[in-house]
N, C-alpha and C. Protein backbone atom coordinates (compact mmCIF):
# COMPACT_ATOMS: atom_id res chain seq x y z
N MET A 1 2.68 -10.49 3.16
CA MET A 1 3.84 -9.85 2.58
C MET A 1 3.95 -10.34 1.13
N LEU A 2 4.34 -9.45 0.25
CA LEU A 2 4.49 -9.83 -1.15
C LEU A 2 5.75 -9.21 -1.71
N SER A 3 6.19 -9.75 -2.80
CA SER A 3 7.39 -9.23 -3.45
C SER A 3 7.15 -9.17 -4.94
N LYS A 4 7.25 -7.96 -5.49
CA LYS A 4 7.05 -7.75 -6.92
C LYS A 4 7.87 -6.54 -7.31
N SER A 5 8.57 -6.63 -8.40
CA SER A 5 9.38 -5.51 -8.84
C SER A 5 8.50 -4.34 -9.29
N VAL A 6 8.85 -3.14 -8.84
CA VAL A 6 8.12 -1.94 -9.27
C VAL A 6 8.99 -1.07 -10.16
N GLY A 7 10.17 -1.58 -10.48
CA GLY A 7 11.08 -0.82 -11.32
C GLY A 7 11.78 0.26 -10.53
N CYS A 8 12.27 1.25 -11.23
CA CYS A 8 13.01 2.34 -10.61
C CYS A 8 12.04 3.48 -10.30
N CYS A 9 11.83 3.75 -9.00
CA CYS A 9 10.93 4.81 -8.60
C CYS A 9 11.28 5.26 -7.19
N ASP A 10 10.67 6.34 -6.75
CA ASP A 10 10.93 6.84 -5.40
C ASP A 10 10.19 5.97 -4.38
N ALA A 11 10.55 6.13 -3.11
CA ALA A 11 10.01 5.29 -2.04
C ALA A 11 8.49 5.42 -1.91
N ALA A 12 7.96 6.62 -2.02
CA ALA A 12 6.51 6.81 -1.87
C ALA A 12 5.75 6.09 -2.99
N THR A 13 6.25 6.18 -4.21
CA THR A 13 5.60 5.48 -5.32
C THR A 13 5.64 3.98 -5.11
N ALA A 14 6.79 3.46 -4.69
CA ALA A 14 6.92 2.02 -4.43
C ALA A 14 5.95 1.57 -3.34
N GLU A 15 5.81 2.37 -2.29
CA GLU A 15 4.90 2.02 -1.19
C GLU A 15 3.45 2.04 -1.67
N LEU A 16 3.08 3.05 -2.45
CA LEU A 16 1.72 3.13 -2.97
C LEU A 16 1.42 1.96 -3.91
N LEU A 17 2.37 1.60 -4.75
CA LEU A 17 2.17 0.47 -5.66
C LEU A 17 2.05 -0.85 -4.89
N ALA A 18 2.81 -0.98 -3.80
CA ALA A 18 2.69 -2.18 -2.96
C ALA A 18 1.32 -2.25 -2.29
N LEU A 19 0.84 -1.11 -1.81
CA LEU A 19 -0.49 -1.07 -1.21
C LEU A 19 -1.57 -1.41 -2.24
N LYS A 20 -1.42 -0.88 -3.44
CA LYS A 20 -2.37 -1.17 -4.52
C LYS A 20 -2.39 -2.66 -4.84
N GLU A 21 -1.22 -3.26 -4.93
CA GLU A 21 -1.13 -4.70 -5.20
C GLU A 21 -1.79 -5.50 -4.09
N ALA A 22 -1.53 -5.13 -2.85
CA ALA A 22 -2.13 -5.82 -1.71
C ALA A 22 -3.66 -5.71 -1.72
N ILE A 23 -4.16 -4.53 -2.05
CA ILE A 23 -5.61 -4.32 -2.12
C ILE A 23 -6.23 -5.23 -3.16
N TYR A 24 -5.65 -5.28 -4.34
CA TYR A 24 -6.22 -6.10 -5.40
C TYR A 24 -6.08 -7.59 -5.11
N LEU A 25 -5.00 -8.01 -4.45
CA LEU A 25 -4.88 -9.40 -4.03
C LEU A 25 -5.98 -9.75 -3.03
N PHE A 26 -6.20 -8.86 -2.07
CA PHE A 26 -7.25 -9.08 -1.07
C PHE A 26 -8.61 -9.15 -1.74
N CYS A 27 -8.88 -8.23 -2.66
CA CYS A 27 -10.18 -8.20 -3.35
C CYS A 27 -10.47 -9.49 -4.10
N ASP A 28 -9.42 -10.11 -4.63
CA ASP A 28 -9.57 -11.35 -5.38
C ASP A 28 -9.63 -12.59 -4.49
N SER A 29 -9.47 -12.41 -3.20
CA SER A 29 -9.46 -13.55 -2.29
C SER A 29 -10.85 -13.81 -1.71
N LEU A 30 -11.02 -14.99 -1.14
CA LEU A 30 -12.27 -15.32 -0.46
C LEU A 30 -12.44 -14.50 0.81
N TRP A 31 -11.35 -14.00 1.37
CA TRP A 31 -11.40 -13.22 2.60
C TRP A 31 -12.18 -11.91 2.42
N ALA A 32 -12.17 -11.37 1.21
CA ALA A 32 -12.80 -10.07 0.97
C ALA A 32 -14.27 -10.04 1.35
N ARG A 33 -14.92 -11.18 1.28
CA ARG A 33 -16.35 -11.24 1.60
C ARG A 33 -16.61 -11.35 3.10
N SER A 34 -15.59 -11.76 3.84
CA SER A 34 -15.82 -12.08 5.25
C SER A 34 -15.01 -11.28 6.26
N PHE A 35 -13.93 -10.68 5.82
CA PHE A 35 -13.02 -10.04 6.75
C PHE A 35 -12.73 -8.60 6.37
N MET A 36 -12.36 -7.83 7.37
CA MET A 36 -11.91 -6.46 7.16
C MET A 36 -10.46 -6.49 6.66
N MET A 37 -10.14 -5.61 5.72
CA MET A 37 -8.78 -5.51 5.23
C MET A 37 -8.03 -4.48 6.07
N LEU A 38 -6.93 -4.88 6.65
CA LEU A 38 -6.09 -3.99 7.44
C LEU A 38 -4.80 -3.76 6.69
N LEU A 39 -4.58 -2.53 6.25
CA LEU A 39 -3.36 -2.17 5.55
C LEU A 39 -2.40 -1.54 6.55
N GLU A 40 -1.14 -1.96 6.49
CA GLU A 40 -0.10 -1.40 7.35
C GLU A 40 1.04 -0.92 6.47
N THR A 41 1.55 0.24 6.79
CA THR A 41 2.67 0.80 6.04
C THR A 41 3.54 1.61 6.99
N ASP A 42 4.83 1.67 6.66
CA ASP A 42 5.71 2.52 7.47
C ASP A 42 5.84 3.91 6.85
N CYS A 43 5.00 4.21 5.88
CA CYS A 43 4.99 5.52 5.23
C CYS A 43 3.78 6.31 5.74
N ALA A 44 4.01 7.17 6.72
CA ALA A 44 2.92 7.96 7.31
C ALA A 44 2.23 8.83 6.27
N MET A 45 2.96 9.29 5.28
CA MET A 45 2.35 10.12 4.24
C MET A 45 1.33 9.33 3.42
N CYS A 46 1.60 8.06 3.17
CA CYS A 46 0.63 7.23 2.45
C CYS A 46 -0.67 7.12 3.23
N VAL A 47 -0.57 6.96 4.53
CA VAL A 47 -1.76 6.90 5.37
C VAL A 47 -2.53 8.22 5.26
N GLU A 48 -1.82 9.33 5.35
CA GLU A 48 -2.44 10.65 5.21
C GLU A 48 -3.13 10.79 3.85
N TRP A 49 -2.47 10.36 2.79
CA TRP A 49 -3.04 10.48 1.45
C TRP A 49 -4.27 9.60 1.27
N PHE A 50 -4.28 8.39 1.87
CA PHE A 50 -5.46 7.53 1.79
C PHE A 50 -6.63 8.18 2.53
N ASN A 51 -6.35 8.75 3.68
CA ASN A 51 -7.41 9.36 4.48
C ASN A 51 -7.87 10.71 3.96
N HIS A 52 -6.98 11.41 3.26
CA HIS A 52 -7.28 12.74 2.69
C HIS A 52 -6.68 12.81 1.29
N PRO A 53 -7.31 12.16 0.31
CA PRO A 53 -6.73 12.05 -1.04
C PRO A 53 -6.37 13.40 -1.69
N ASN A 54 -7.11 14.44 -1.37
CA ASN A 54 -6.81 15.74 -1.98
C ASN A 54 -5.52 16.36 -1.46
N SER A 55 -4.97 15.80 -0.39
CA SER A 55 -3.70 16.30 0.15
C SER A 55 -2.49 15.68 -0.54
N ALA A 56 -2.74 14.69 -1.38
CA ALA A 56 -1.64 13.99 -2.07
C ALA A 56 -1.10 14.82 -3.21
N PRO A 57 0.20 14.69 -3.49
CA PRO A 57 0.76 15.34 -4.67
C PRO A 57 0.06 14.83 -5.94
N THR A 58 -0.08 15.68 -6.89
CA THR A 58 -0.77 15.33 -8.14
C THR A 58 -0.20 14.06 -8.77
N ALA A 59 1.09 13.87 -8.68
CA ALA A 59 1.73 12.71 -9.30
C ALA A 59 1.23 11.38 -8.72
N PHE A 60 0.71 11.40 -7.49
CA PHE A 60 0.26 10.17 -6.83
C PHE A 60 -1.25 9.98 -6.86
N MET A 61 -1.98 10.98 -7.31
CA MET A 61 -3.44 10.93 -7.22
C MET A 61 -4.06 9.76 -7.99
N SER A 62 -3.52 9.41 -9.14
CA SER A 62 -4.13 8.31 -9.91
C SER A 62 -3.90 6.97 -9.22
N ILE A 63 -2.74 6.77 -8.62
CA ILE A 63 -2.49 5.52 -7.88
C ILE A 63 -3.41 5.45 -6.67
N ILE A 64 -3.53 6.54 -5.95
CA ILE A 64 -4.39 6.57 -4.77
C ILE A 64 -5.85 6.36 -5.16
N ALA A 65 -6.28 6.97 -6.25
CA ALA A 65 -7.65 6.78 -6.73
C ALA A 65 -7.90 5.31 -7.06
N ASP A 66 -6.94 4.65 -7.71
CA ASP A 66 -7.07 3.22 -8.01
C ASP A 66 -7.18 2.41 -6.72
N CYS A 67 -6.37 2.75 -5.74
CA CYS A 67 -6.41 2.05 -4.45
C CYS A 67 -7.76 2.23 -3.78
N LEU A 68 -8.23 3.44 -3.72
CA LEU A 68 -9.51 3.71 -3.06
C LEU A 68 -10.68 3.09 -3.82
N LYS A 69 -10.57 3.03 -5.13
CA LYS A 69 -11.60 2.35 -5.92
C LYS A 69 -11.63 0.87 -5.57
N GLY A 70 -10.44 0.28 -5.41
CA GLY A 70 -10.37 -1.13 -5.03
C GLY A 70 -10.94 -1.40 -3.65
N CYS A 71 -10.89 -0.40 -2.79
CA CYS A 71 -11.40 -0.53 -1.41
C CYS A 71 -12.88 -0.20 -1.28
N SER A 72 -13.48 0.33 -2.32
CA SER A 72 -14.81 0.94 -2.20
C SER A 72 -15.88 -0.01 -1.67
N ASP A 73 -15.81 -1.28 -1.97
CA ASP A 73 -16.82 -2.23 -1.52
C ASP A 73 -16.37 -3.03 -0.30
N LEU A 74 -15.26 -2.63 0.30
CA LEU A 74 -14.69 -3.39 1.41
C LEU A 74 -14.76 -2.64 2.72
N SER A 75 -14.69 -3.38 3.78
CA SER A 75 -14.44 -2.81 5.09
C SER A 75 -12.93 -2.81 5.24
N TRP A 76 -12.33 -1.63 5.48
CA TRP A 76 -10.88 -1.56 5.50
C TRP A 76 -10.39 -0.44 6.40
N SER A 77 -9.14 -0.52 6.77
CA SER A 77 -8.47 0.57 7.47
C SER A 77 -6.99 0.53 7.13
N ILE A 78 -6.35 1.67 7.31
CA ILE A 78 -4.92 1.78 7.03
C ILE A 78 -4.25 2.43 8.24
N HIS A 79 -3.09 1.90 8.61
CA HIS A 79 -2.37 2.38 9.79
C HIS A 79 -0.89 2.52 9.46
N ALA A 80 -0.29 3.53 10.06
CA ALA A 80 1.17 3.69 9.98
C ALA A 80 1.79 2.87 11.11
N ILE A 81 2.83 2.14 10.78
CA ILE A 81 3.56 1.38 11.78
C ILE A 81 5.02 1.82 11.73
N PRO A 82 5.71 1.79 12.85
CA PRO A 82 7.12 2.20 12.84
C PRO A 82 7.97 1.28 11.96
N ARG A 83 8.90 1.87 11.24
CA ARG A 83 9.79 1.09 10.37
C ARG A 83 10.54 0.02 11.18
N ALA A 84 10.86 0.34 12.43
CA ALA A 84 11.59 -0.60 13.29
C ALA A 84 10.81 -1.89 13.52
N THR A 85 9.48 -1.83 13.48
CA THR A 85 8.68 -3.04 13.65
C THR A 85 8.35 -3.71 12.32
N ASN A 86 8.84 -3.15 11.26
CA ASN A 86 8.57 -3.65 9.91
C ASN A 86 9.85 -4.18 9.27
N VAL A 87 10.69 -4.80 10.07
CA VAL A 87 12.03 -5.21 9.65
C VAL A 87 11.99 -6.17 8.47
N SER A 88 11.13 -7.18 8.51
CA SER A 88 11.09 -8.17 7.43
C SER A 88 10.71 -7.54 6.10
N ALA A 89 9.70 -6.70 6.10
CA ALA A 89 9.28 -6.04 4.87
C ALA A 89 10.36 -5.09 4.37
N ASP A 90 11.03 -4.41 5.29
CA ASP A 90 12.10 -3.49 4.91
C ASP A 90 13.25 -4.24 4.24
N LYS A 91 13.64 -5.39 4.79
CA LYS A 91 14.70 -6.20 4.20
C LYS A 91 14.29 -6.71 2.81
N LEU A 92 13.04 -7.13 2.69
CA LEU A 92 12.54 -7.62 1.41
C LEU A 92 12.58 -6.51 0.37
N ALA A 93 12.17 -5.31 0.74
CA ALA A 93 12.19 -4.18 -0.19
C ALA A 93 13.62 -3.84 -0.60
N LYS A 94 14.53 -3.85 0.35
CA LYS A 94 15.92 -3.55 0.02
C LYS A 94 16.55 -4.62 -0.84
N SER A 95 16.15 -5.87 -0.65
CA SER A 95 16.71 -6.94 -1.48
C SER A 95 16.22 -6.80 -2.93
N GLY A 96 15.05 -6.22 -3.12
CA GLY A 96 14.52 -5.98 -4.46
C GLY A 96 15.33 -4.99 -5.25
N ILE A 97 16.05 -4.13 -4.56
CA ILE A 97 16.91 -3.16 -5.23
C ILE A 97 18.02 -3.88 -6.00
N LEU A 98 18.43 -5.02 -5.50
CA LEU A 98 19.53 -5.75 -6.10
C LEU A 98 19.13 -6.57 -7.31
N LEU A 99 17.82 -6.73 -7.53
CA LEU A 99 17.35 -7.56 -8.65
C LEU A 99 17.55 -6.90 -9.98
């Protein structure tokens, strides 16, 4: 879990930027050489866009392309998880609104 301000943006953009940050953190770690990267998000559309980039709105294509470029040399997967099981991350995201 990570916390970084993304400024004022819609939920999908914030989720994509969080995924991008996580990918680049993983790539810079020693784990990248030995382990599969498992991305989890409560945004089902982000999962769809990662799996089918051409289905993404044009406004998100550059972020998704950056994410996929970061994943290109990795073993990885992305899964949608219910928001109800993502309580800690949801609280952290909401607390960022107050910053």
